[in-house]
Protein backbone atom coordinates (compact mmCIF):
# COMPACT_ATOMS: atom_id res chain seq x y z
CA MET A 1 104.88 166.40 94.74
CA TYR A 2 101.31 165.79 95.90
CA LEU A 3 100.89 163.98 99.22
CA ASP A 4 98.22 161.86 100.83
CA GLU A 5 98.12 159.33 103.64
CA SER A 6 96.38 156.11 104.55
CA GLY A 7 95.88 155.06 108.15
CA ASP A 8 96.39 156.81 111.47
CA HIS A 9 99.87 158.06 112.37
CA SER A 10 99.25 157.70 116.13
CA LEU A 11 101.28 155.13 118.06
CA ASP A 12 99.00 155.29 121.10
CA LYS A 13 96.34 153.03 119.62
CA ILE A 14 97.15 150.62 116.80
CA ASP A 15 94.30 149.08 114.81
CA PRO A 16 95.05 145.35 114.43
CA GLU A 17 93.17 145.38 111.12
CA TYR A 18 95.32 148.19 109.73
CA PRO A 19 98.52 148.45 111.83
CA ILE A 20 100.38 150.62 109.33
CA PHE A 21 100.70 154.22 108.28
CA VAL A 22 101.26 155.07 104.63
CA LEU A 23 102.43 158.43 103.36
CA GLY A 24 102.50 158.51 99.60
CA GLY A 25 103.25 161.08 96.97
CA ILE A 26 103.11 161.49 93.24
CA ILE A 27 105.87 163.47 91.59
CA VAL A 28 104.65 165.37 88.54
CA ASP A 29 107.08 167.18 86.28
CA GLY A 30 105.75 170.33 84.66
CA ALA A 31 102.58 172.39 84.40
CA ALA A 32 101.48 170.60 81.24
CA ILE A 33 101.26 167.27 83.04
CA ARG A 34 99.37 168.87 85.94
CA ARG A 35 96.84 170.31 83.50
CA GLN A 36 96.57 166.94 81.78
CA ILE A 37 95.77 165.24 85.08
CA ASP A 38 93.11 167.85 85.88
CA ARG A 39 91.50 167.54 82.43
CA LYS A 40 91.43 163.75 82.37
CA LEU A 41 89.98 163.43 85.85
CA GLU A 42 87.36 166.11 85.21
CA TYR A 43 86.35 164.43 81.95
CA LEU A 44 86.06 161.09 83.76
CA LYS A 45 83.89 162.55 86.52
CA GLU A 46 81.67 164.37 84.04
CA ALA A 47 81.19 161.18 82.01
CA TYR A 48 80.25 158.97 84.96
CA PHE A 49 78.69 161.33 87.50
CA GLY A 50 77.61 164.34 85.49
CA ARG A 51 79.80 166.82 87.36
CA PRO A 52 83.51 167.59 86.99
CA ASP A 53 83.78 169.17 90.44
CA LEU A 54 83.20 165.91 92.33
CA ILE A 55 86.24 165.08 94.47
CA LEU A 56 87.67 161.60 93.96
CA HIS A 57 88.16 160.09 97.40
CA THR A 58 88.87 156.39 97.85
CA ALA A 59 86.65 155.93 100.92
CA ASP A 60 83.67 157.52 99.14
CA ILE A 61 84.25 155.50 95.95
CA VAL A 62 84.52 152.19 97.83
CA ARG A 63 81.39 152.92 99.88
CA ALA A 64 79.48 154.46 96.96
CA ARG A 65 78.55 157.61 98.88
CA ASN A 66 78.84 161.41 98.64
CA GLY A 67 78.15 161.58 94.92
CA PHE A 68 79.30 158.09 93.98
CA GLU A 69 75.99 156.34 94.69
CA SER A 70 75.72 155.12 91.09
CA LEU A 71 78.64 152.78 91.79
CA ARG A 72 76.29 150.55 93.79
CA ASN A 73 75.42 149.14 90.37
CA ARG A 74 77.98 146.38 89.75
CA SER A 75 78.26 146.98 86.01
CA GLU A 76 78.63 150.74 86.43
CA ARG A 77 81.24 150.18 89.11
CA ALA A 78 83.31 147.85 86.91
CA ASP A 79 83.17 150.29 83.98
CA PHE A 80 84.22 153.18 86.19
CA TYR A 81 87.17 151.32 87.69
CA GLU A 82 88.34 150.32 84.23
CA ALA A 83 88.16 153.93 83.02
CA LEU A 84 89.88 155.22 86.17
CA ASN A 85 92.68 152.69 85.76
CA ASP A 86 93.12 153.81 82.16
CA VAL A 87 93.56 157.40 83.34
CA MET A 88 96.11 156.41 85.98
CA ARG A 89 97.97 154.27 83.49
CA GLY A 90 98.10 156.98 80.84
CA VAL A 91 99.38 159.92 82.91
CA ASP A 92 103.10 160.50 83.45
CA PHE A 93 103.98 160.58 87.16
CA GLN A 94 106.25 158.86 89.67
CA VAL A 95 105.11 157.31 92.94
CA VAL A 96 107.06 157.53 96.19
CA ALA A 97 105.74 156.10 99.43
CA CYS A 98 106.83 155.23 102.93
CA VAL A 99 105.01 152.60 104.96
CA ILE A 100 105.51 152.41 108.72
CA LYS A 101 104.63 149.11 110.40
CA LYS A 102 103.57 150.79 113.60
CA ASP A 103 103.62 147.81 115.93
CA GLU A 104 107.13 146.81 114.83
CA HIS A 105 108.28 150.44 114.89
CA LEU A 106 107.04 150.84 118.44
CA ALA A 107 108.49 147.50 119.56
CA GLN A 108 111.90 148.39 118.14
CA TYR A 109 112.21 151.95 119.43
CA GLY A 110 109.80 152.16 122.36
CA ALA A 111 109.57 155.63 123.88
CA ASP A 112 112.11 156.88 121.31
CA ALA A 113 109.93 155.92 118.35
CA ILE A 114 109.61 158.82 115.91
CA ASP A 115 106.09 159.88 114.94
CA PRO A 116 105.25 157.92 111.75
CA TYR A 117 104.19 161.10 109.94
CA MET A 118 107.48 162.80 110.71
CA LEU A 119 109.54 159.76 109.78
CA SER A 120 107.76 159.06 106.51
CA LEU A 121 107.80 162.71 105.47
CA ARG A 122 111.58 162.75 105.90
CA VAL A 123 111.87 159.73 103.62
CA LEU A 124 109.71 161.25 100.89
CA VAL A 125 111.43 164.64 101.09
CA GLU A 126 114.83 162.97 100.61
CA ARG A 127 113.67 161.19 97.49
CA PHE A 128 111.96 164.27 96.13
CA CYS A 129 115.14 166.29 96.64
CA HIS A 130 117.07 163.64 94.74
CA GLU A 131 114.64 163.94 91.82
CA ILE A 132 114.94 167.73 91.84
CA GLY A 133 118.73 167.54 91.74
CA ASP A 134 120.65 170.80 91.96
CA ILE A 135 117.86 173.00 90.61
CA PRO A 136 117.24 175.87 93.08
CA ASP A 137 113.56 176.10 94.09
CA GLY A 138 112.87 173.22 91.74
CA GLY A 139 110.02 171.61 93.64
CA LEU A 140 106.85 172.24 95.61
CA ILE A 141 104.96 169.92 97.96
CA CYS A 142 101.18 170.07 98.10
CA ALA A 143 98.98 168.27 100.64
CA GLU A 144 95.27 168.38 101.36
CA LYS A 145 93.94 170.14 104.44
CA ARG A 146 92.56 167.58 106.89
CA GLY A 147 91.57 169.64 109.91
CA PRO A 148 93.48 171.66 112.51
CA GLU A 149 95.12 168.73 114.32
CA LEU A 150 96.43 166.89 111.26
CA ASP A 151 97.37 170.13 109.51
CA HIS A 152 99.36 171.20 112.56
CA ALA A 153 101.13 167.83 112.69
CA LEU A 154 102.19 168.13 109.06
CA GLU A 155 103.31 171.74 109.37
CA THR A 156 105.30 170.88 112.51
CA ALA A 157 106.99 167.98 110.74
CA TRP A 158 107.88 170.21 107.80
CA MET A 159 109.34 172.94 109.98
CA LYS A 160 111.48 170.38 111.84
CA ILE A 161 112.86 169.19 108.52
CA LEU A 162 113.76 172.75 107.50
CA ARG A 163 115.50 173.30 110.84
CA SER A 164 117.24 169.97 111.35
CA GLY A 165 117.22 168.29 107.96
CA THR A 166 116.74 164.55 107.41
CA TYR A 167 119.11 161.62 107.76
CA TYR A 168 120.75 162.40 104.43
CA ARG A 169 119.87 166.06 103.75
CA ARG A 170 120.65 169.22 105.66
CA GLY A 171 117.79 171.62 106.26
CA SER A 172 119.42 174.13 103.92
CA GLY A 173 119.66 171.46 101.23
CA VAL A 174 115.92 170.91 101.48
CA SER A 175 114.94 174.59 101.59
CA ASN A 176 117.17 175.35 98.59
CA ARG A 177 115.33 172.78 96.47
CA ILE A 178 111.75 172.78 97.75
CA VAL A 179 109.95 176.11 97.68
CA ASP A 180 107.30 175.22 100.25
CA LEU A 181 104.89 172.66 101.60
CA GLY A 182 101.42 174.07 100.99
CA LEU A 183 98.10 172.85 102.37
CA LYS A 184 95.14 173.14 99.99
CA ASP A 185 91.40 172.80 100.56
CA LYS A 186 89.95 169.68 98.90
CA ARG A 187 87.19 171.83 97.36
CA LEU A 188 89.79 173.34 95.02
CA ASN A 189 89.46 170.11 93.00
CA ILE A 190 93.21 169.62 92.49
CA GLY A 191 93.77 166.57 90.30
CA GLY A 192 97.22 165.77 91.70
CA LEU A 193 95.86 165.47 95.24
CA GLN A 194 93.06 163.19 94.08
CA LEU A 195 95.53 161.01 92.21
CA ALA A 196 97.71 160.78 95.33
CA ASP A 197 94.64 159.65 97.29
CA LEU A 198 94.02 156.87 94.78
CA VAL A 199 97.63 155.67 95.06
CA VAL A 200 98.06 155.17 98.82
CA SER A 201 95.31 152.62 99.49
CA PRO A 202 96.61 150.00 97.01
CA ILE A 203 100.05 150.34 98.62
CA GLY A 204 98.63 149.72 102.08
CA ARG A 205 96.70 146.66 100.91
CA ALA A 206 99.76 145.19 99.22
CA VAL A 207 102.03 145.67 102.23
CA LEU A 208 99.45 144.05 104.50
CA GLY A 209 99.19 141.06 102.17
CA LYS A 210 95.55 141.71 101.33
CA GLN A 211 94.03 140.98 97.95
CA THR A 212 95.28 143.47 95.37
CA HIS A 213 93.68 144.71 92.18
CA GLU A 214 94.72 146.28 88.91
CA ASP A 215 95.37 149.64 90.58
CA TRP A 216 98.26 148.06 92.53
CA GLU A 217 99.85 146.84 89.29
CA ILE A 218 99.59 150.38 87.92
CA VAL A 219 101.12 151.87 91.08
CA LYS A 220 103.98 149.36 90.91
CA SER A 221 104.72 150.43 87.35
CA LYS A 222 104.86 154.09 88.45
CA PHE A 223 107.18 153.72 91.45
CA ARG A 224 110.38 155.72 91.36
CA ARG A 225 113.15 153.27 90.53
CA GLY A 226 116.85 152.77 91.07
CA PRO A 227 119.35 150.21 89.70
CA SER A 228 117.83 147.42 91.81
CA GLY A 229 114.16 148.26 91.30
CA TYR A 230 111.65 150.32 93.25
CA GLU A 231 112.22 149.01 96.79
CA GLY A 232 114.12 151.64 98.75
CA TYR A 233 113.80 154.12 95.89
CA GLY A 234 110.07 154.44 95.35
CA LEU A 235 108.74 152.31 98.18
CA VAL A 236 110.31 152.32 101.64
CA ILE A 237 108.94 150.02 104.34
CA LEU A 238 110.05 150.65 107.93
CA PRO A 239 111.38 149.18 110.09
CA ARG A 240 113.57 147.41 107.53
CA THR A 241 113.82 143.65 107.74
CA LYS A 242 117.23 142.67 109.05
C-alpha cells in the first residue's frame, strides 16, 4: 500500500478553506502491477515533458511549475489530464482513504482528540490487513519522506500501532501481516507514491463539496468495496454522522 496525505494533520490551527485531513492509499497486488504503473507513468511523462524522471505532484501540476510549465497552455493541459486519467483508469489498484473533519473531531473530543494522522493511519491499516487476509508478511506500506517532523510523526504513529494495535486489530495481528512501513525519497521516482498523490486531492475536494472532475469519478470506481458500497470500506469519514 502506497500512502499520501492532503492537508495538515495539526489540530492547533485549522484552515477554514481546508478544514480536513486526508490520508489515502492505493493497494497494489503484485510486482507486475507495480512495474506496469512505473512504465505507464514514465511513458506519460516522457511524452508530455520529455523526461521520465519528473515526479508527478498535484500541487506542481495544478500550478504548472517545477517542470510542468508547459501546462500553462490550455490545450496542452487538457490533453495531459485526459492522458493521465486514462492511465489511472487502466491500472489495477484499490483506493482506501480516511478523511478527518478536524473542526468536528476537535469539537467532539476536545483535549482527548486523537491526532488525525494517527487516527487515519489506524483506519487504513485495518483495511489493508483485511485485504491481506491470513497471509504472513503479505503486505508492505510505503510512504514518501516529507521532512524530519512529518517523518517522525508517521513513524511514531506506526510504532504505536505495532505496540497497541488498532480498534479492531491487535498489534501482533498487524505485525504478522505487514512487513514494515518504509519511508522513501521522492527522487526514487516510485510510481505507486505518485499515483497515491494524485488520488488524495480529488477525495478532499469531494468531501468538502467543491467542484469535482473526472479524476474523482475514477477514484470512486477504484475504492475498496463491501456489500453496501465503498463508504466505510474504501472511504471512511470521521467523525461519523449520527
